[in-house]
Amino acid sequence: MSYIWWSLPLTLAVFFGARKLAKRLKMPLLNPLLVSMVIIIPLLLLTNTPYAHYFAGSKILNDLLQPAVVALAFPLYEQLHQIRARWKSIISICFIGSITAMVSGTAIALWMGATPEIAASILPKSVTTPIAMAVATSIGGIPAISAVCVIFVGILGAVLGHALFNVLKITTKASRGLAMGTASHALGTARCAEMDFQEGAFSSLALVICGIITSLMAPFVFPLMLVLFA
């Protein structure tokens, strides 16, 4: 496959530039991933660069997703004392949140007439990208569509999550962190970490647990949803 040499340096320069801007201005809408997409996508269109060529040139970043998932075990290890103290509540919250995320997205998609393949791609929308793509593949979905859904949900949570918490008067850091990690995975967790260390810790914990629960439950939930909406 052909590739363009400048895709990797462009991606890194835009992302780190956007990250620096977000830290300086501290505005939720200036999420580094969102800003990077707003800059890079129009640039690819203007230069008539095929996405396949851009992807091939920066494939190393995609390959790093797998070790990144393994690295998620570290925050889980750091929070073992929290798990021991509140494991029943944490596991219950993450389980209910994971099931709700899978059922709601899949039900809406099937209700609106989506094919099983599209519905399967939407089901793992609330877990981190590598896990979502693997889950989608295992249940007959399209990994690329799952990745797009994950990014959309993550940006939505990172931008609007804390505003919603404030409106609902949810102030407990553990509650905010668990909710964000369950619904908005890594992007929501990054936003929590910017706001408060404890929020970030609980969010990273929920991210890992929900990823495990979704991986285990998706093969059972999806066929059941197909039967219910057949």
Protein backbone atom coordinates (compact mmCIF):
# COMPACT_ATOMS: atom_id res chain seq x y z
CA MET A 1 0.00 0.00 0.00
CA SER A 2 1.27 3.48 -0.87
CA TYR A 3 1.86 5.94 1.91
CA ILE A 4 2.77 9.60 2.40
CA TRP A 5 5.86 10.40 4.43
CA TRP A 6 4.43 13.49 6.07
CA SER A 7 1.36 11.89 7.66
CA LEU A 8 3.14 10.84 10.87
CA PRO A 9 4.94 14.15 11.58
CA LEU A 10 1.76 16.05 10.65
CA THR A 11 -0.37 14.00 13.04
CA LEU A 12 2.09 14.40 15.92
CA ALA A 13 2.58 18.13 15.32
CA VAL A 14 -1.14 18.85 15.13
CA PHE A 15 -2.00 16.73 18.17
CA PHE A 16 0.68 18.14 20.47
CA GLY A 17 -0.07 21.66 19.25
CA ALA A 18 -3.76 21.14 20.00
CA ARG A 19 -2.89 19.67 23.40
CA LYS A 20 -0.79 22.70 24.27
CA LEU A 21 -3.60 25.01 23.18
CA ALA A 22 -6.14 23.08 25.27
CA LYS A 23 -3.93 23.34 28.37
CA ARG A 24 -3.45 27.05 27.89
CA LEU A 25 -7.08 28.03 27.21
CA LYS A 26 -8.75 25.28 29.30
CA MET A 27 -11.86 25.09 27.10
CA PRO A 28 -13.69 21.73 26.80
CA LEU A 29 -14.39 22.31 23.10
CA LEU A 30 -10.66 22.46 22.42
CA ASN A 31 -10.28 18.73 22.96
CA PRO A 32 -6.97 17.73 21.28
CA LEU A 33 -8.54 14.86 19.36
CA LEU A 34 -11.42 17.02 18.11
CA VAL A 35 -9.07 19.84 17.09
CA SER A 36 -6.77 17.37 15.32
CA MET A 37 -9.69 15.97 13.32
CA VAL A 38 -10.92 19.46 12.39
CA ILE A 39 -7.45 20.31 11.03
CA ILE A 40 -6.34 17.04 9.43
CA ILE A 41 -9.55 15.97 7.66
CA PRO A 42 -9.95 19.22 5.64
CA LEU A 43 -6.22 19.10 4.86
CA LEU A 44 -6.54 15.60 3.42
CA LEU A 45 -9.53 16.71 1.36
CA LEU A 46 -7.76 19.82 0.06
CA THR A 47 -4.66 17.85 -0.96
CA ASN A 48 -6.79 15.03 -2.40
CA THR A 49 -4.91 12.54 -0.21
CA PRO A 50 -6.57 9.10 0.13
CA TYR A 51 -7.19 8.12 3.73
CA ALA A 52 -5.56 4.73 3.08
CA HIS A 53 -2.29 6.48 2.19
CA TYR A 54 -2.50 8.75 5.22
CA PHE A 55 -3.23 5.76 7.48
CA ALA A 56 -0.33 3.74 6.06
CA GLY A 57 2.08 6.59 6.74
CA SER A 58 1.08 6.86 10.38
CA LYS A 59 0.30 3.18 11.00
CA ILE A 60 2.78 3.05 13.87
CA LEU A 61 0.34 5.13 15.96
CA ASN A 62 -2.41 2.59 15.36
CA ASP A 63 -0.03 -0.25 16.29
CA LEU A 64 0.61 1.47 19.63
CA LEU A 65 -3.05 1.06 20.59
CA GLN A 66 -2.53 -2.57 21.60
CA PRO A 67 0.27 -1.93 24.14
CA ALA A 68 -1.76 1.07 25.32
CA VAL A 69 -4.58 -1.31 26.29
CA VAL A 70 -2.12 -3.46 28.23
CA ALA A 71 -0.87 -0.32 29.98
CA LEU A 72 -4.38 0.26 31.31
CA ALA A 73 -3.65 -2.49 33.83
CA PHE A 74 -1.36 -0.06 35.68
CA PRO A 75 -4.08 2.37 36.88
CA LEU A 76 -6.15 -0.67 37.79
CA TYR A 77 -3.27 -1.92 39.96
CA GLU A 78 -2.88 1.56 41.50
CA GLN A 79 -6.51 1.53 42.58
CA LEU A 80 -6.56 -1.93 44.14
CA HIS A 81 -7.15 -0.41 47.57
CA GLN A 82 -10.24 1.36 46.22
CA ILE A 83 -11.49 -1.86 44.67
CA ARG A 84 -11.02 -3.78 47.91
CA ALA A 85 -12.87 -1.13 49.91
CA ARG A 86 -15.78 -0.60 47.51
CA TRP A 87 -15.62 -3.51 45.12
CA LYS A 88 -19.33 -4.40 45.30
CA SER A 89 -20.47 -0.86 44.45
CA ILE A 90 -17.83 -0.34 41.76
CA ILE A 91 -18.47 -3.64 40.00
CA SER A 92 -22.26 -3.12 40.17
CA ILE A 93 -22.05 0.40 38.74
CA CYS A 94 -19.71 -0.66 35.94
CA PHE A 95 -21.80 -3.72 35.10
CA ILE A 96 -25.07 -1.77 34.92
CA GLY A 97 -23.39 1.02 32.98
CA SER A 98 -21.82 -1.37 30.47
CA ILE A 99 -25.06 -3.27 29.86
CA THR A 100 -26.99 0.01 29.51
CA ALA A 101 -24.46 1.36 27.02
CA MET A 102 -24.57 -1.80 24.90
CA VAL A 103 -28.35 -2.24 24.98
CA SER A 104 -29.28 1.41 24.40
CA GLY A 105 -27.08 1.96 21.36
CA THR A 106 -27.94 -1.37 19.77
CA ALA A 107 -31.67 -1.02 20.46
CA ILE A 108 -31.85 2.46 18.94
CA ALA A 109 -29.89 1.35 15.87
CA LEU A 110 -32.09 -1.71 15.26
CA TRP A 111 -35.27 0.26 15.98
CA MET A 112 -34.25 2.81 13.31
CA GLY A 113 -33.72 0.04 10.76
CA ALA A 114 -29.96 -0.50 10.92
CA THR A 115 -28.57 -3.78 9.64
CA PRO A 116 -27.18 -6.27 12.21
CA GLU A 117 -23.68 -5.42 10.96
CA ILE A 118 -24.13 -1.72 11.74
CA ALA A 119 -25.81 -2.47 15.08
CA ALA A 120 -22.90 -4.73 16.03
CA SER A 121 -20.52 -1.89 15.19
CA ILE A 122 -22.41 0.52 17.46
CA LEU A 123 -22.74 -1.85 20.43
CA PRO A 124 -19.21 -1.33 21.90
CA LYS A 125 -19.30 2.47 21.51
CA SER A 126 -18.58 3.21 25.18
CA VAL A 127 -15.27 1.35 25.58
CA THR A 128 -11.82 2.36 24.45
CA THR A 129 -11.03 2.06 20.72
CA PRO A 130 -8.87 -1.12 20.61
CA ILE A 131 -11.36 -3.07 22.73
CA ALA A 132 -14.32 -1.72 20.75
CA MET A 133 -12.76 -2.75 17.45
CA ALA A 134 -11.98 -6.24 18.76
CA VAL A 135 -15.50 -6.65 20.16
CA ALA A 136 -17.08 -5.44 16.92
CA THR A 137 -15.02 -7.93 14.93
CA SER A 138 -16.04 -10.80 17.21
CA ILE A 139 -19.78 -10.15 16.82
CA GLY A 140 -19.78 -9.36 13.11
CA GLY A 141 -19.46 -5.59 13.15
CA ILE A 142 -17.24 -3.19 11.22
CA PRO A 143 -14.24 -2.09 13.31
CA ALA A 144 -13.82 1.23 11.47
CA ILE A 145 -17.41 2.25 12.26
CA SER A 146 -16.92 1.23 15.89
CA ALA A 147 -13.83 3.44 16.08
CA VAL A 148 -15.81 6.42 14.76
CA CYS A 149 -18.60 5.79 17.29
CA VAL A 150 -16.08 5.54 20.12
CA ILE A 151 -14.45 8.83 19.14
CA PHE A 152 -17.82 10.58 18.87
CA VAL A 153 -19.01 9.32 22.26
CA GLY A 154 -15.68 10.15 23.88
CA ILE A 155 -15.62 13.72 22.57
CA LEU A 156 -19.26 14.22 23.56
CA GLY A 157 -18.53 13.09 27.11
CA ALA A 158 -15.31 15.08 27.41
CA VAL A 159 -16.98 18.27 26.20
CA LEU A 160 -20.38 18.04 27.92
CA GLY A 161 -19.89 15.54 30.77
CA HIS A 162 -18.87 17.90 33.56
CA ALA A 163 -21.47 20.49 32.56
CA LEU A 164 -24.12 17.76 32.88
CA PHE A 165 -22.74 16.71 36.28
CA ASN A 166 -23.03 20.32 37.47
CA VAL A 167 -26.60 20.65 36.21
CA LEU A 168 -27.56 17.41 37.97
CA LYS A 169 -25.61 18.54 41.08
CA ILE A 170 -23.42 15.43 41.11
CA THR A 171 -20.43 16.51 43.16
CA THR A 172 -18.96 13.25 44.51
CA LYS A 173 -15.65 12.71 42.75
CA ALA A 174 -16.01 8.93 42.72
CA SER A 175 -19.45 9.18 41.11
CA ARG A 176 -18.28 11.64 38.47
CA GLY A 177 -15.21 9.57 37.65
CA LEU A 178 -17.04 6.25 37.43
CA ALA A 179 -19.78 7.75 35.25
CA MET A 180 -17.31 9.35 32.86
CA GLY A 181 -15.10 6.28 32.57
CA THR A 182 -18.12 4.06 31.97
CA ALA A 183 -19.68 6.25 29.28
CA SER A 184 -16.78 8.09 27.64
CA HIS A 185 -13.76 5.78 28.06
CA ALA A 186 -10.27 7.24 27.53
CA LEU A 187 -11.27 10.72 26.34
CA GLY A 188 -13.59 11.18 29.30
CA THR A 189 -10.89 9.84 31.61
CA ALA A 190 -8.37 12.33 30.24
CA ARG A 191 -10.82 15.15 30.91
CA CYS A 192 -11.42 13.88 34.46
CA ALA A 193 -7.68 13.73 35.08
CA GLU A 194 -7.40 17.38 34.04
CA MET A 195 -10.14 18.37 36.47
CA ASP A 196 -9.17 16.30 39.51
CA PHE A 197 -6.76 13.46 40.28
CA GLN A 198 -9.33 11.41 42.19
CA GLU A 199 -11.89 11.77 39.40
CA GLY A 200 -9.27 10.61 36.94
CA ALA A 201 -8.39 7.61 39.09
CA PHE A 202 -12.00 6.41 39.36
CA SER A 203 -12.58 7.09 35.69
CA SER A 204 -9.56 5.02 34.67
CA LEU A 205 -10.79 2.26 36.95
CA ALA A 206 -14.23 2.27 35.32
CA LEU A 207 -12.64 2.36 31.86
CA VAL A 208 -10.74 -0.86 32.51
CA ILE A 209 -13.56 -2.72 34.26
CA CYS A 210 -16.15 -1.72 31.65
CA GLY A 211 -13.81 -2.82 28.87
CA ILE A 212 -13.56 -6.26 30.47
CA ILE A 213 -17.32 -6.52 31.08
CA THR A 214 -18.16 -5.43 27.53
CA SER A 215 -15.71 -7.94 26.05
CA LEU A 216 -17.25 -10.76 28.06
CA MET A 217 -20.92 -9.81 27.71
CA ALA A 218 -21.15 -8.55 24.11
CA PRO A 219 -21.30 -12.05 22.53
CA PHE A 220 -24.35 -12.78 24.71
CA VAL A 221 -26.06 -9.37 24.59
CA PHE A 222 -25.94 -8.89 20.81
CA PRO A 223 -27.73 -12.13 19.79
CA LEU A 224 -30.38 -11.42 22.42
CA MET A 225 -30.94 -7.94 20.97
CA LEU A 226 -31.31 -9.41 17.50
CA VAL A 227 -33.97 -11.82 18.77
CA LEU A 228 -35.88 -9.06 20.56
CA PHE A 229 -35.85 -6.72 17.56
CA ALA A 230 -36.24 -9.36 14.83
